[in-house]
Amino acid sequence: MGGEEKAKETVWSDREGFNQKLAEFSDALAVAMAADPQSLEALEPAAGNVFKVCKSCHEEYRTPGE
């Protein structure tokens, strides 16, 4: 979908920052799952934060697709 992405060198040179992003993603995912949404409307707020955290990591640690 839109090209091939690859990890930037910062995944390795800023491993502490990358690990922090992984922890933030894990935390956001845990909150979304704990919310136990029973409808799409109930899922949207929690899922929005998961996507936000996911996007911030991709922006910093992945090359854009071509």
C-alpha atoms as a PDB file:
ATOM      1  CA  MET A   1       0.000   0.000   0.000  1.00  0.00           C
ATOM      2  CA  GLY A   2       1.852   3.052  -1.191  1.00  0.00           C
ATOM      3  CA  GLY A   3       5.366   1.682  -1.211  1.00  0.00           C
ATOM      4  CA  GLU A   4       7.859  -0.126   0.873  1.00  0.00           C
ATOM      5  CA  GLU A   5       8.927   1.313   4.223  1.00  0.00           C
ATOM      6  CA  LYS A   6      12.161   0.492   5.960  1.00  0.00           C
ATOM      7  CA  ALA A   7      13.551   1.205   9.384  1.00  0.00           C
ATOM      8  CA  LYS A   8      15.674   4.325   9.715  1.00  0.00           C
ATOM      9  CA  GLU A   9      19.117   4.169  11.259  1.00  0.00           C
ATOM     10  CA  THR A  10      17.627   5.909  14.324  1.00  0.00           C
ATOM     11  CA  VAL A  11      16.046   2.593  15.346  1.00  0.00           C
ATOM     12  CA  TRP A  12      19.578   1.542  16.275  1.00  0.00           C
ATOM     13  CA  SER A  13      21.263   4.845  17.086  1.00  0.00           C
ATOM     14  CA  ASP A  14      18.402   5.975  19.350  1.00  0.00           C
ATOM     15  CA  ARG A  15      17.455   2.612  20.782  1.00  0.00           C
ATOM     16  CA  GLU A  16      16.325   4.151  24.080  1.00  0.00           C
ATOM     17  CA  GLY A  17      13.895   6.444  22.256  1.00  0.00           C
ATOM     18  CA  PHE A  18      12.637   3.591  20.084  1.00  0.00           C
ATOM     19  CA  ASN A  19      12.079   1.406  23.141  1.00  0.00           C
ATOM     20  CA  GLN A  20      10.157   4.287  24.745  1.00  0.00           C
ATOM     21  CA  LYS A  21       7.874   4.468  21.694  1.00  0.00           C
ATOM     22  CA  LEU A  22       7.284   0.709  21.942  1.00  0.00           C
ATOM     23  CA  ALA A  23       6.366   1.104  25.613  1.00  0.00           C
ATOM     24  CA  GLU A  24       3.963   3.962  24.774  1.00  0.00           C
ATOM     25  CA  PHE A  25       2.326   1.790  22.105  1.00  0.00           C
ATOM     26  CA  SER A  26       1.993  -1.104  24.540  1.00  0.00           C
ATOM     27  CA  ASP A  27       0.428   1.179  27.153  1.00  0.00           C
ATOM     28  CA  ALA A  28      -2.031   2.700  24.658  1.00  0.00           C
ATOM     29  CA  LEU A  29      -3.003  -0.747  23.440  1.00  0.00           C
ATOM     30  CA  ALA A  30      -3.564  -1.972  27.008  1.00  0.00           C
ATOM     31  CA  VAL A  31      -5.840   1.000  27.728  1.00  0.00           C
ATOM     32  CA  ALA A  32      -7.818   0.355  24.531  1.00  0.00           C
ATOM     33  CA  MET A  33      -8.237  -3.312  25.363  1.00  0.00           C
ATOM     34  CA  ALA A  34      -9.198  -2.585  28.972  1.00  0.00           C
ATOM     35  CA  ALA A  35     -11.920  -0.244  27.747  1.00  0.00           C
ATOM     36  CA  ASP A  36     -13.643  -3.353  26.338  1.00  0.00           C
ATOM     37  CA  PRO A  37     -15.536  -1.414  23.673  1.00  0.00           C
ATOM     38  CA  GLN A  38     -18.784  -3.007  22.584  1.00  0.00           C
ATOM     39  CA  SER A  39     -19.364  -0.843  19.515  1.00  0.00           C
ATOM     40  CA  LEU A  40     -17.400   1.067  16.910  1.00  0.00           C
ATOM     41  CA  GLU A  41     -18.362   4.334  18.584  1.00  0.00           C
ATOM     42  CA  ALA A  42     -16.959   3.084  21.884  1.00  0.00           C
ATOM     43  CA  LEU A  43     -13.764   1.893  20.205  1.00  0.00           C
ATOM     44  CA  GLU A  44     -12.934   5.130  18.390  1.00  0.00           C
ATOM     45  CA  PRO A  45     -11.531   7.167  21.333  1.00  0.00           C
ATOM     46  CA  ALA A  46      -9.227   4.395  22.550  1.00  0.00           C
ATOM     47  CA  ALA A  47      -8.213   3.310  19.054  1.00  0.00           C
ATOM     48  CA  GLY A  48      -7.471   6.904  18.113  1.00  0.00           C
ATOM     49  CA  ASN A  49      -4.769   7.093  20.764  1.00  0.00           C
ATOM     50  CA  VAL A  50      -3.270   3.764  19.622  1.00  0.00           C
ATOM     51  CA  PHE A  51      -3.071   5.083  16.051  1.00  0.00           C
ATOM     52  CA  LYS A  52      -1.593   8.389  17.241  1.00  0.00           C
ATOM     53  CA  VAL A  53       1.208   6.621  19.128  1.00  0.00           C
ATOM     54  CA  CYS A  54       1.766   4.239  16.218  1.00  0.00           C
ATOM     55  CA  LYS A  55       2.027   7.129  13.749  1.00  0.00           C
ATOM     56  CA  SER A  56       4.495   9.044  15.907  1.00  0.00           C
ATOM     57  CA  CYS A  57       6.838   6.061  15.922  1.00  0.00           C
ATOM     58  CA  HIS A  58       6.565   5.557  12.164  1.00  0.00           C
ATOM     59  CA  GLU A  59       7.289   9.239  11.570  1.00  0.00           C
ATOM     60  CA  GLU A  60      10.458   9.050  13.620  1.00  0.00           C
ATOM     61  CA  TYR A  61      11.771   5.557  12.930  1.00  0.00           C
ATOM     62  CA  ARG A  62      10.565   4.500   9.438  1.00  0.00           C
ATOM     63  CA  THR A  63      11.315   5.802   5.986  1.00  0.00           C
ATOM     64  CA  PRO A  64       8.310   6.925   3.956  1.00  0.00           C
ATOM     65  CA  GLY A  65       6.993   4.612   1.270  1.00  0.00           C
ATOM     66  CA  GLU A  66       7.850   5.485  -2.291  1.00  0.00           C
END
